Amino acid sequence: MEATPGTSTDSFFDFSDEEVEDVVEDYVPLSRRERNEDPDTDCDSSDDEIDFVDIHNSSIDSDEPLSVYAARVHERNSPGTCSCTVVVLCPMSRYRAFLISRVANSYADSHPNMVKGHERRWMPLTVPELQIWIALRIMMGISPKPRQAQYWSKDDLHESPFFPKHMPRDRFDQISTSLHFADNAFQDGTNRLWKLGRIVQLLQKNCLEAYTPPQCITVDESLWKFRGRLSFVTYNPSKRARFGLKIYKLSVSSGPTCGYTCSFRFYTGQDRGNMPASHKAVSDLMEAADVLDKGYTLYVDNWYTSPTLFHWLQGRKTNACGTVRPNRKWMPKDFTKLKLNEVDHRSTPTGMLCLKWVDKKKTLHVLSTMHNSEMVQIDRLNRQGQNVIKPRAIIDYNEGMKGVDVGDQLAASYPAARRSLKWYKKVFFYLFDLAMTNAFALYREVGSQNLQQLAFREEVVRGLLREYLPEAPNIGVRITDQNGYPVFEDNHTLTLILHIRPR
């Protein structure tokens, strides 16, 4: 008989002493009867409040919400109408570029031996010159070469006229060497990310203010490859990089903005507290993104999923679904032994479902607060020519968990990061790729969903050169037309202007 969440009279929670991680010892599952008796509790299960998602001001250039702005832009881009102009947030604003250039100049002044014998003397780094340097780093991700010096090579096999036309190689190397984000004289022993200065804070703020995520979100971790000397480098044999920096991300998992990172947090080896690290990672990200108590749907994998976490999310009016380890505390222990494609389930009075299913001789356990044990037929045939049947909870989980993976794939397609012994320089370009991925997701939302990421990054490069090349010092040969005038016009705005043609 099919069980509907919340209709079972027996709780599946197991009160044995077996556990696999630290949990709050005084935790007792809250029944639906206790919640209804207490009028002061904030766990109201009204359908109107659970399904409501507040939309705050997430507009780009006005007080208009991004959802309304996106609908208006899609209507304008319909066939038979004229083209329109869309403003996309630039990943590197003038203010952030000013902070970086100021610290880089301070570092260069305190290290006069940085300039090599064959190089010119150090010239103060300006914001336009730094933006051109950023544009060249983006082009290095689009056109990768084994060695950086090959971009300025005159050999026919490696010659790339674009790079020497915009900046000499020695000047590019000087900027790369002097790139710093915080003054070493003001070290913060309590913050292990102090080398990145305010870059992380500014990016986190922009990710939150630029866009309000849709209902389906996911939390997962990414591993940014780094094998240098760093106290909080982690080792994960299941990842391709294995050694690197672990980043917790909360990303959008549906729609054209799939892969957009709403909030993120670095793992620096300081996650100990009153709650498990997996629980703390989810709660911190969701509170930072302001998505609690608004009826969102969260998807997580088996490292985060636990009855304790899902019960806490129920109290914050948030649905949740994810695979779970069978030896978690409070998990049921009375599941029967199943054969291929068989399913068994348990549920609680609060509407939490635990489902066991065997697929290709692999047993899966799923925990959900919004599903029942419904089996769904999918468009795939097995070896016997029969349609494959899966639980609805597993189908939705596979679809909802792709947010972080999509963002990582987009960022790894044309990476701006290159090999470096300084961890903060490499992390800075990982963050820059994250900002580029978010900007691409926003452009797909308010612009054309058919635009490829390669074309978007090329437009970003053209936009940076169009805006900052006329203001940059005369450090190389400018790109001019037949009359000797610069190809790109001056533009002092803080945004990147892109044009959309009718479909």
Protein backbone atom coordinates (compact mmCIF):
# COMPACT_ATOMS: atom_id res chain seq x y z
CA MET A 1 0.00 0.00 0.00
CA GLU A 2 1.34 3.38 -0.92
CA ALA A 3 2.15 5.67 2.00
CA THR A 4 1.55 9.37 1.91
CA PRO A 5 3.91 11.55 3.95
CA GLY A 6 2.42 12.40 7.28
CA THR A 7 -0.24 9.63 7.30
CA SER A 8 1.80 6.92 9.03
CA THR A 9 1.02 6.39 12.72
CA ASP A 10 4.39 4.86 13.65
CA SER A 11 7.65 6.80 13.69
CA PHE A 12 10.59 5.30 11.81
CA PHE A 13 13.14 6.92 14.15
CA ASP A 14 15.45 4.43 15.82
CA PHE A 15 16.56 5.36 19.34
CA SER A 16 19.58 3.07 19.52
CA ASP A 17 23.03 4.30 20.53
CA GLU A 18 24.54 3.77 17.06
CA GLU A 19 25.66 6.96 15.26
CA VAL A 20 28.25 8.01 12.72
CA GLU A 21 28.71 11.68 13.57
CA ASP A 22 28.19 14.10 16.43
CA VAL A 23 24.62 15.27 16.81
CA VAL A 24 22.73 17.25 19.42
CA GLU A 25 22.17 14.77 22.26
CA ASP A 26 18.87 16.21 23.47
CA TYR A 27 17.24 16.08 20.03
CA VAL A 28 13.78 14.48 20.03
CA PRO A 29 11.68 14.38 16.83
CA LEU A 30 8.82 16.86 17.04
CA SER A 31 5.45 15.29 16.31
CA ARG A 32 2.69 17.00 14.43
CA ARG A 33 0.44 16.80 17.51
CA GLU A 34 2.95 18.79 19.62
CA ARG A 35 3.29 21.46 16.95
CA ASN A 36 -0.49 21.94 16.73
CA GLU A 37 -0.83 22.22 20.50
CA ASP A 38 1.82 24.94 20.78
CA PRO A 39 0.47 28.23 19.34
CA ASP A 40 3.82 30.01 19.69
CA THR A 41 5.82 27.66 17.50
CA ASP A 42 7.14 28.96 14.17
CA CYS A 43 6.61 25.61 12.43
CA ASP A 44 3.21 26.48 10.98
CA SER A 45 2.42 24.07 8.15
CA SER A 46 -0.04 26.27 6.27
CA ASP A 47 0.10 25.59 2.56
CA ASP A 48 -0.17 29.28 1.75
CA GLU A 49 2.91 30.16 3.78
CA ILE A 50 4.99 27.15 2.74
CA ASP A 51 4.47 27.80 -0.96
CA PHE A 52 5.21 31.51 -0.67
CA VAL A 53 8.63 32.72 -1.85
CA ASP A 54 9.33 36.35 -1.08
CA ILE A 55 10.97 38.31 -3.88
CA HIS A 56 13.09 41.19 -2.64
CA ASN A 57 14.75 43.85 -4.72
CA SER A 58 17.15 42.00 -7.01
CA SER A 59 17.03 44.36 -9.96
CA ILE A 60 20.04 45.37 -12.01
CA ASP A 61 19.61 49.05 -12.65
CA SER A 62 16.31 50.05 -11.02
CA ASP A 63 13.86 49.09 -8.29
CA GLU A 64 12.16 46.60 -10.58
CA PRO A 65 12.51 42.92 -9.49
CA LEU A 66 14.58 40.74 -11.78
CA SER A 67 11.67 38.35 -12.36
CA VAL A 68 9.49 41.16 -13.76
CA TYR A 69 12.42 42.55 -15.73
CA ALA A 70 13.18 39.11 -17.24
CA ALA A 71 9.58 38.63 -18.37
CA ARG A 72 9.56 42.06 -19.98
CA VAL A 73 12.85 41.39 -21.80
CA HIS A 74 11.66 37.99 -23.08
CA GLU A 75 8.53 39.65 -24.43
CA ARG A 76 10.58 42.30 -26.21
CA ASN A 77 12.81 39.65 -27.77
CA SER A 78 9.91 37.80 -29.30
CA PRO A 79 10.00 37.39 -33.10
CA GLY A 80 8.96 40.44 -35.07
CA THR A 81 10.13 43.02 -32.54
CA CYS A 82 13.19 45.22 -32.56
CA SER A 83 16.41 44.38 -30.71
CA CYS A 84 16.97 45.64 -27.17
CA THR A 85 19.94 46.42 -24.95
CA VAL A 86 20.53 44.40 -21.80
CA VAL A 87 22.83 45.43 -18.97
CA VAL A 88 24.82 42.64 -17.36
CA LEU A 89 26.84 43.12 -14.20
CA CYS A 90 30.55 43.20 -14.96
CA PRO A 91 32.55 40.62 -12.94
CA MET A 92 35.29 43.19 -12.10
CA SER A 93 33.93 46.61 -11.09
CA ARG A 94 36.05 49.77 -10.92
CA TYR A 95 35.94 49.75 -7.13
CA ARG A 96 37.36 46.23 -6.82
CA ALA A 97 39.94 46.99 -9.51
CA PHE A 98 40.92 50.14 -7.62
CA LEU A 99 41.46 48.16 -4.39
CA ILE A 100 43.61 45.57 -6.19
CA SER A 101 45.68 48.17 -8.07
CA ARG A 102 46.33 50.12 -4.87
CA VAL A 103 47.64 47.08 -2.99
CA ALA A 104 49.68 45.99 -6.04
CA ASN A 105 51.35 49.40 -6.22
CA SER A 106 52.14 49.26 -2.51
CA TYR A 107 53.71 45.81 -2.92
CA ALA A 108 55.79 46.92 -5.93
CA ASP A 109 57.08 50.00 -4.07
CA SER A 110 58.20 47.85 -1.13
CA HIS A 111 59.92 45.30 -3.40
CA PRO A 112 62.20 47.21 -5.79
CA ASN A 113 64.06 44.00 -6.69
CA MET A 114 60.89 42.65 -8.31
CA VAL A 115 61.86 44.22 -11.67
CA LYS A 116 64.36 42.12 -13.58
CA GLY A 117 67.38 43.51 -15.38
CA HIS A 118 65.94 43.38 -18.90
CA GLU A 119 62.55 44.81 -17.86
CA ARG A 120 61.48 48.42 -17.74
CA ARG A 121 61.09 50.18 -14.42
CA TRP A 122 57.85 49.72 -12.54
CA MET A 123 55.05 52.09 -13.47
CA PRO A 124 52.06 52.60 -11.13
CA LEU A 125 49.25 50.24 -12.01
CA THR A 126 46.01 51.94 -13.05
CA VAL A 127 42.46 50.61 -13.10
CA PRO A 128 42.17 50.57 -16.93
CA GLU A 129 45.46 48.72 -17.24
CA LEU A 130 44.35 46.14 -14.69
CA GLN A 131 41.11 45.60 -16.58
CA ILE A 132 43.05 44.97 -19.80
CA TRP A 133 45.20 42.49 -17.90
CA ILE A 134 41.99 40.74 -16.76
CA ALA A 135 40.77 40.63 -20.37
CA LEU A 136 43.99 38.92 -21.41
CA ARG A 137 43.58 36.34 -18.66
CA ILE A 138 40.08 35.57 -19.93
CA MET A 139 41.48 35.09 -23.43
CA MET A 140 44.10 32.70 -22.03
CA GLY A 141 41.26 30.51 -20.81
CA ILE A 142 39.60 30.64 -24.22
CA SER A 143 42.85 29.89 -26.11
CA PRO A 144 44.99 27.78 -23.76
CA LYS A 145 48.70 27.24 -24.36
CA PRO A 146 51.18 25.02 -22.44
CA ARG A 147 53.32 27.98 -21.33
CA GLN A 148 52.41 31.58 -20.70
CA ALA A 149 55.37 32.95 -22.67
CA GLN A 150 54.02 31.33 -25.83
CA TYR A 151 51.26 33.95 -26.04
CA TRP A 152 53.96 36.51 -26.92
CA SER A 153 56.03 34.14 -29.03
CA LYS A 154 56.95 35.15 -32.58
CA ASP A 155 57.18 31.54 -33.67
CA ASP A 156 54.68 30.70 -36.40
CA LEU A 157 53.48 27.71 -34.37
CA HIS A 158 52.44 29.77 -31.35
CA GLU A 159 52.10 33.35 -32.54
CA SER A 160 49.06 35.18 -31.15
CA PRO A 161 48.95 38.83 -32.29
CA PHE A 162 46.13 39.69 -29.90
CA PHE A 163 48.29 39.62 -26.75
CA PRO A 164 51.33 41.71 -27.78
CA LYS A 165 49.00 44.29 -29.36
CA HIS A 166 47.41 45.08 -26.02
CA MET A 167 50.21 44.58 -23.48
CA PRO A 168 53.95 43.72 -23.58
CA ARG A 169 54.98 40.47 -22.00
CA ASP A 170 57.24 42.08 -19.39
CA ARG A 171 54.44 44.37 -18.22
CA PHE A 172 52.05 41.42 -18.00
CA ASP A 173 54.60 39.52 -15.88
CA GLN A 174 55.13 42.54 -13.62
CA ILE A 175 51.41 42.85 -12.93
CA SER A 176 51.16 39.10 -12.30
CA THR A 177 54.02 39.26 -9.78
CA SER A 178 52.72 42.31 -7.92
CA LEU A 179 49.12 41.06 -7.75
CA HIS A 180 48.08 41.26 -4.09
CA PHE A 181 44.77 41.84 -2.33
CA ALA A 182 45.77 42.74 1.24
CA ASP A 183 48.64 44.57 2.91
CA ASN A 184 50.96 42.15 4.72
CA ALA A 185 51.39 44.70 7.51
CA PHE A 186 47.76 44.14 8.58
CA GLN A 187 47.61 40.41 9.13
CA ASP A 188 44.49 38.95 10.72
CA GLY A 189 45.34 35.81 12.64
CA THR A 190 41.68 34.90 13.14
CA ASN A 191 40.87 34.89 9.42
CA ARG A 192 42.74 32.38 7.28
CA LEU A 193 41.49 34.08 4.12
CA TRP A 194 42.91 37.49 5.00
CA LYS A 195 45.25 37.32 1.98
CA LEU A 196 42.24 37.81 -0.28
CA GLY A 197 41.27 41.02 1.48
CA ARG A 198 37.71 42.16 0.77
CA ILE A 199 37.39 40.23 -2.49
CA VAL A 200 35.41 37.38 -0.92
CA GLN A 201 33.06 39.71 0.97
CA LEU A 202 32.32 41.85 -2.09
CA LEU A 203 31.65 38.82 -4.30
CA GLN A 204 29.36 37.23 -1.71
CA LYS A 205 27.42 40.48 -1.43
CA ASN A 206 27.04 40.81 -5.21
CA CYS A 207 25.86 37.18 -5.59
CA LEU A 208 23.09 37.77 -3.04
CA GLU A 209 21.94 41.17 -4.31
CA ALA A 210 22.01 40.42 -8.04
CA TYR A 211 19.43 37.64 -8.19
CA THR A 212 16.67 35.96 -6.19
CA PRO A 213 16.89 32.16 -6.74
CA PRO A 214 13.85 30.11 -7.85
CA GLN A 215 12.29 27.46 -5.66
CA CYS A 216 14.68 24.55 -6.36
CA ILE A 217 18.17 24.92 -4.88
CA THR A 218 20.98 22.56 -3.94
CA VAL A 219 23.90 22.52 -1.52
CA ASP A 220 27.09 20.66 -2.39
CA GLU A 221 30.84 21.09 -2.14
CA SER A 222 33.44 21.83 -4.83
CA LEU A 223 37.15 21.14 -4.73
CA TRP A 224 39.38 23.80 -6.27
CA LYS A 225 42.65 22.17 -7.26
CA PHE A 226 45.75 23.33 -5.36
CA ARG A 227 48.73 21.23 -4.28
CA GLY A 228 50.86 23.96 -2.69
CA ARG A 229 51.67 24.58 0.95
CA LEU A 230 48.51 25.64 2.75
CA SER A 231 47.18 24.69 6.17
CA PHE A 232 43.58 24.06 5.08
CA VAL A 233 44.19 22.06 1.88
CA THR A 234 41.92 19.01 1.93
CA TYR A 235 42.27 15.55 0.39
CA ASN A 236 39.27 13.90 -1.25
CA PRO A 237 40.04 10.70 -3.22
CA SER A 238 36.60 10.73 -4.84
CA LYS A 239 37.31 14.03 -6.63
CA ARG A 240 39.38 14.32 -9.78
CA ALA A 241 41.70 16.96 -8.28
CA ARG A 242 42.00 15.10 -4.92
CA PHE A 243 44.04 17.94 -3.31
CA GLY A 244 42.61 21.42 -3.07
CA LEU A 245 40.37 23.90 -1.28
CA LYS A 246 36.89 22.74 -0.35
CA ILE A 247 34.08 25.22 -1.04
CA TYR A 248 30.49 24.81 0.12
CA LYS A 249 28.05 26.22 -2.43
CA LEU A 250 24.34 26.94 -2.57
CA SER A 251 23.32 26.98 -6.23
CA VAL A 252 20.24 27.17 -8.41
CA SER A 253 19.27 23.76 -9.81
CA SER A 254 16.52 24.61 -12.32
CA GLY A 255 15.72 27.02 -15.12
CA PRO A 256 18.06 29.07 -17.32
CA THR A 257 20.06 30.19 -14.27
CA CYS A 258 20.95 26.61 -13.33
CA GLY A 259 24.47 26.72 -11.88
CA TYR A 260 24.16 30.24 -10.44
CA THR A 261 25.94 30.36 -7.06
CA CYS A 262 23.83 32.26 -4.53
CA SER A 263 26.20 31.88 -1.58
CA PHE A 264 29.45 30.06 -0.82
CA ARG A 265 31.74 29.43 2.11
CA PHE A 266 35.34 28.23 2.34
CA TYR A 267 36.30 25.29 4.50
CA THR A 268 39.31 26.44 6.54
CA GLY A 269 39.45 23.61 9.06
CA GLN A 270 37.41 25.50 11.66
CA ASP A 271 33.98 23.86 11.36
CA ARG A 272 33.77 22.49 14.90
CA GLY A 273 30.78 23.64 16.89
CA ASN A 274 27.63 22.58 18.68
CA MET A 275 26.23 20.91 15.56
CA PRO A 276 27.71 18.54 12.94
CA ALA A 277 29.79 20.11 10.18
CA SER A 278 27.30 18.99 7.51
CA HIS A 279 24.39 20.58 9.37
CA LYS A 280 26.33 23.78 10.01
CA ALA A 281 27.33 24.09 6.33
CA VAL A 282 23.69 23.90 5.17
CA SER A 283 22.34 26.25 7.83
CA ASP A 284 25.07 28.87 7.25
CA LEU A 285 24.59 28.89 3.49
CA MET A 286 20.81 29.09 3.65
CA GLU A 287 20.86 31.85 6.25
CA ALA A 288 23.41 33.80 4.20
CA ALA A 289 21.25 33.44 1.08
CA ASP A 290 18.08 34.37 3.01
CA VAL A 291 16.07 31.40 1.71
CA LEU A 292 14.75 29.99 5.00
CA ASP A 293 11.06 30.23 5.97
CA LYS A 294 10.07 30.88 2.33
CA GLY A 295 9.01 27.46 1.02
CA TYR A 296 12.17 26.59 -0.90
CA THR A 297 13.06 23.02 -1.93
CA LEU A 298 16.58 21.86 -1.03
CA TYR A 299 18.46 18.89 -2.52
CA VAL A 300 21.54 17.46 -0.78
CA ASP A 301 23.63 14.30 -1.01
CA ASN A 302 24.25 11.65 1.66
CA TRP A 303 27.02 13.60 3.44
CA TYR A 304 24.53 16.30 4.48
CA THR A 305 21.28 14.31 4.71
CA SER A 306 20.14 13.24 8.17
CA PRO A 307 16.82 13.10 10.03
CA THR A 308 18.14 15.81 12.35
CA LEU A 309 18.80 18.25 9.49
CA PHE A 310 15.54 17.52 7.68
CA HIS A 311 13.54 17.94 10.88
CA TRP A 312 15.23 21.33 11.40
CA LEU A 313 14.43 22.33 7.81
CA GLN A 314 10.79 21.35 8.34
CA GLY A 315 10.65 23.78 11.23
CA ARG A 316 12.00 26.51 8.92
CA LYS A 317 9.33 25.86 6.24
CA THR A 318 11.79 24.32 3.79
CA ASN A 319 11.27 21.09 1.85
CA ALA A 320 14.23 18.74 1.51
CA CYS A 321 15.18 15.62 -0.41
CA GLY A 322 18.41 13.63 -0.57
CA THR A 323 20.11 10.28 -0.40
CA VAL A 324 21.00 9.19 3.11
CA ARG A 325 23.37 6.73 4.76
CA PRO A 326 21.47 3.88 6.45
CA ASN A 327 23.59 4.06 9.64
CA ARG A 328 22.66 7.67 10.43
CA LYS A 329 21.24 8.26 13.87
CA TRP A 330 17.43 8.13 14.08
CA MET A 331 17.26 6.09 10.85
CA PRO A 332 14.88 3.07 10.83
CA LYS A 333 16.46 -0.35 11.34
CA ASP A 334 13.54 -2.60 10.39
CA PHE A 335 13.80 -2.49 6.58
CA THR A 336 13.31 -5.86 4.92
CA LYS A 337 15.75 -7.41 2.48
CA LEU A 338 14.74 -6.43 -1.05
CA LYS A 339 15.33 -7.76 -4.54
CA LEU A 340 15.95 -5.81 -7.75
CA ASN A 341 13.48 -2.92 -8.32
CA GLU A 342 11.69 -3.58 -5.04
CA VAL A 343 10.90 -0.72 -2.67
CA ASP A 344 10.17 -0.35 1.05
CA HIS A 345 9.37 2.79 3.01
CA ARG A 346 8.72 4.25 6.45
CA SER A 347 7.21 7.61 7.39
CA THR A 348 6.72 9.80 10.45
CA PRO A 349 3.77 11.85 11.71
CA THR A 350 5.62 15.01 10.67
CA GLY A 351 5.64 13.98 7.00
CA MET A 352 9.22 12.69 6.68
CA LEU A 353 9.60 9.69 4.37
CA CYS A 354 12.48 7.21 4.32
CA LEU A 355 12.53 5.03 1.22
CA LYS A 356 14.70 2.01 0.38
CA TRP A 357 15.05 0.92 -3.25
CA VAL A 358 17.31 -1.61 -5.02
CA ASP A 359 18.59 -0.61 -8.47
CA LYS A 360 21.05 -2.85 -10.36
CA LYS A 361 21.96 -4.64 -7.13
CA LYS A 362 22.75 -1.33 -5.44
CA THR A 363 20.66 -0.32 -2.48
CA LEU A 364 19.66 3.34 -2.20
CA HIS A 365 18.13 5.09 0.79
CA VAL A 366 16.31 8.39 0.23
CA LEU A 367 15.00 10.80 2.84
CA SER A 368 12.35 13.34 1.84
CA THR A 369 9.81 15.68 3.41
CA MET A 370 7.82 16.29 0.21
CA HIS A 371 7.48 12.86 -1.50
CA ASN A 372 5.61 9.62 -1.06
CA SER A 373 6.50 6.14 -2.29
CA GLU A 374 5.08 6.72 -5.78
CA MET A 375 6.77 4.76 -8.61
CA VAL A 376 7.07 6.49 -12.01
CA GLN A 377 7.75 5.05 -15.45
CA ILE A 378 10.57 6.78 -17.33
CA ASP A 379 11.46 6.89 -21.04
CA ARG A 380 14.13 4.22 -20.90
CA LEU A 381 14.08 0.50 -21.60
CA ASN A 382 15.97 -2.22 -19.79
CA ARG A 383 17.64 -5.22 -21.40
CA GLN A 384 14.35 -7.09 -21.52
CA GLY A 385 12.71 -4.25 -23.49
CA GLN A 386 10.54 -3.14 -20.60
CA ASN A 387 10.09 0.42 -19.37
CA VAL A 388 12.19 1.29 -16.33
CA ILE A 389 10.26 2.23 -13.19
CA LYS A 390 11.82 4.41 -10.49
CA PRO A 391 10.57 6.16 -7.35
CA ARG A 392 9.52 9.77 -7.91
CA ALA A 393 11.81 10.88 -5.08
CA ILE A 394 14.92 9.54 -6.84
CA ILE A 395 13.96 11.10 -10.19
CA ASP A 396 13.50 14.51 -8.58
CA TYR A 397 16.74 14.08 -6.63
CA ASN A 398 18.75 13.37 -9.80
CA GLU A 399 17.28 16.45 -11.44
CA GLY A 400 17.67 18.71 -8.41
CA MET A 401 21.29 17.90 -7.56
CA LYS A 402 22.80 19.20 -10.81
CA GLY A 403 23.11 22.88 -9.80
CA VAL A 404 26.62 22.88 -8.34
CA ASP A 405 27.91 20.44 -10.97
CA VAL A 406 26.63 22.62 -13.82
CA GLY A 407 28.34 25.67 -12.33
CA ASP A 408 31.62 23.80 -11.94
CA GLN A 409 31.44 22.51 -15.53
CA LEU A 410 30.85 26.00 -16.91
CA ALA A 411 33.72 27.43 -14.87
CA ALA A 412 36.10 24.64 -15.94
CA SER A 413 35.32 25.02 -19.65
CA TYR A 414 37.40 28.20 -20.09
CA PRO A 415 39.34 28.65 -16.82
CA ALA A 416 41.17 31.92 -16.20
CA ALA A 417 43.28 30.32 -13.45
CA ARG A 418 46.79 29.17 -14.27
CA ARG A 419 49.45 27.37 -12.29
CA SER A 420 50.68 29.43 -9.34
CA LEU A 421 52.56 28.79 -6.09
CA LYS A 422 50.60 31.54 -4.32
CA TRP A 423 47.28 30.13 -3.21
CA TYR A 424 45.51 33.49 -2.99
CA LYS A 425 46.28 34.30 -6.63
CA LYS A 426 44.87 31.01 -7.85
CA VAL A 427 41.81 31.28 -5.59
CA PHE A 428 41.20 34.80 -6.89
CA PHE A 429 40.81 33.48 -10.44
CA TYR A 430 38.64 30.62 -9.23
CA LEU A 431 36.41 33.31 -7.73
CA PHE A 432 36.60 35.27 -10.97
CA ASP A 433 35.42 32.22 -12.94
CA LEU A 434 32.58 31.86 -10.43
CA ALA A 435 31.59 35.49 -11.08
CA MET A 436 31.77 34.93 -14.84
CA THR A 437 29.52 31.86 -14.52
CA ASN A 438 26.99 33.85 -12.49
CA ALA A 439 27.06 36.69 -15.02
CA PHE A 440 26.49 34.18 -17.83
CA ALA A 441 23.53 32.67 -15.95
CA LEU A 442 21.97 36.11 -15.46
CA TYR A 443 22.45 36.94 -19.12
CA ARG A 444 20.66 33.73 -20.09
CA GLU A 445 17.82 34.70 -17.74
CA VAL A 446 17.27 38.23 -19.06
CA GLY A 447 18.63 37.70 -22.57
CA SER A 448 19.01 34.82 -24.95
CA GLN A 449 19.01 31.28 -23.61
CA ASN A 450 20.65 30.06 -26.83
CA LEU A 451 23.87 32.02 -26.26
CA GLN A 452 26.92 29.83 -25.69
CA GLN A 453 29.41 30.56 -22.92
CA LEU A 454 32.26 31.00 -25.41
CA ALA A 455 30.45 33.83 -27.18
CA PHE A 456 29.58 35.40 -23.83
CA ARG A 457 33.20 35.44 -22.65
CA GLU A 458 34.32 36.90 -25.95
CA GLU A 459 31.76 39.69 -25.52
CA VAL A 460 33.09 40.33 -22.01
CA VAL A 461 36.61 40.73 -23.43
CA ARG A 462 35.36 43.11 -26.11
CA GLY A 463 33.42 45.06 -23.52
CA LEU A 464 36.44 45.45 -21.23
CA LEU A 465 38.63 46.62 -24.12
CA ARG A 466 35.92 48.95 -25.38
CA GLU A 467 35.59 50.61 -22.00
CA TYR A 468 39.15 50.72 -20.66
CA LEU A 469 41.52 50.62 -23.64
CA PRO A 470 41.23 54.37 -24.41
CA GLU A 471 42.07 55.19 -20.78
CA ALA A 472 45.02 52.80 -20.42
CA PRO A 473 48.65 54.03 -20.61
CA ASN A 474 50.47 53.77 -23.92
CA ILE A 475 52.13 50.47 -23.07
CA GLY A 476 51.78 48.80 -26.44
CA VAL A 477 50.40 49.09 -29.93
CA ARG A 478 46.72 50.05 -30.01
CA ILE A 479 44.22 48.42 -32.33
CA THR A 480 43.21 51.09 -34.85
CA ASP A 481 41.09 51.26 -37.97
CA GLN A 482 42.18 52.41 -41.45
CA ASN A 483 42.05 56.06 -40.39
CA GLY A 484 44.25 55.51 -37.34
CA TYR A 485 41.49 55.87 -34.75
CA PRO A 486 40.94 53.35 -31.90
CA VAL A 487 38.38 50.69 -32.70
CA PHE A 488 36.71 50.84 -29.27
CA GLU A 489 34.84 53.86 -27.97
CA ASP A 490 35.18 55.28 -24.49
CA ASN A 491 32.57 54.24 -21.92
CA HIS A 492 32.74 55.22 -18.25
CA THR A 493 29.87 53.08 -17.02
CA LEU A 494 30.31 50.29 -14.48
CA THR A 495 28.43 47.72 -16.56
CA LEU A 496 29.00 45.68 -19.64
CA ILE A 497 26.56 46.51 -22.44
CA LEU A 498 25.56 43.58 -24.61
CA HIS A 499 23.08 43.59 -27.51
CA ILE A 500 20.51 40.93 -28.18
CA ARG A 501 19.22 40.30 -31.65
CA PRO A 502 15.69 39.05 -32.34
CA ARG A 503 15.30 35.32 -32.39
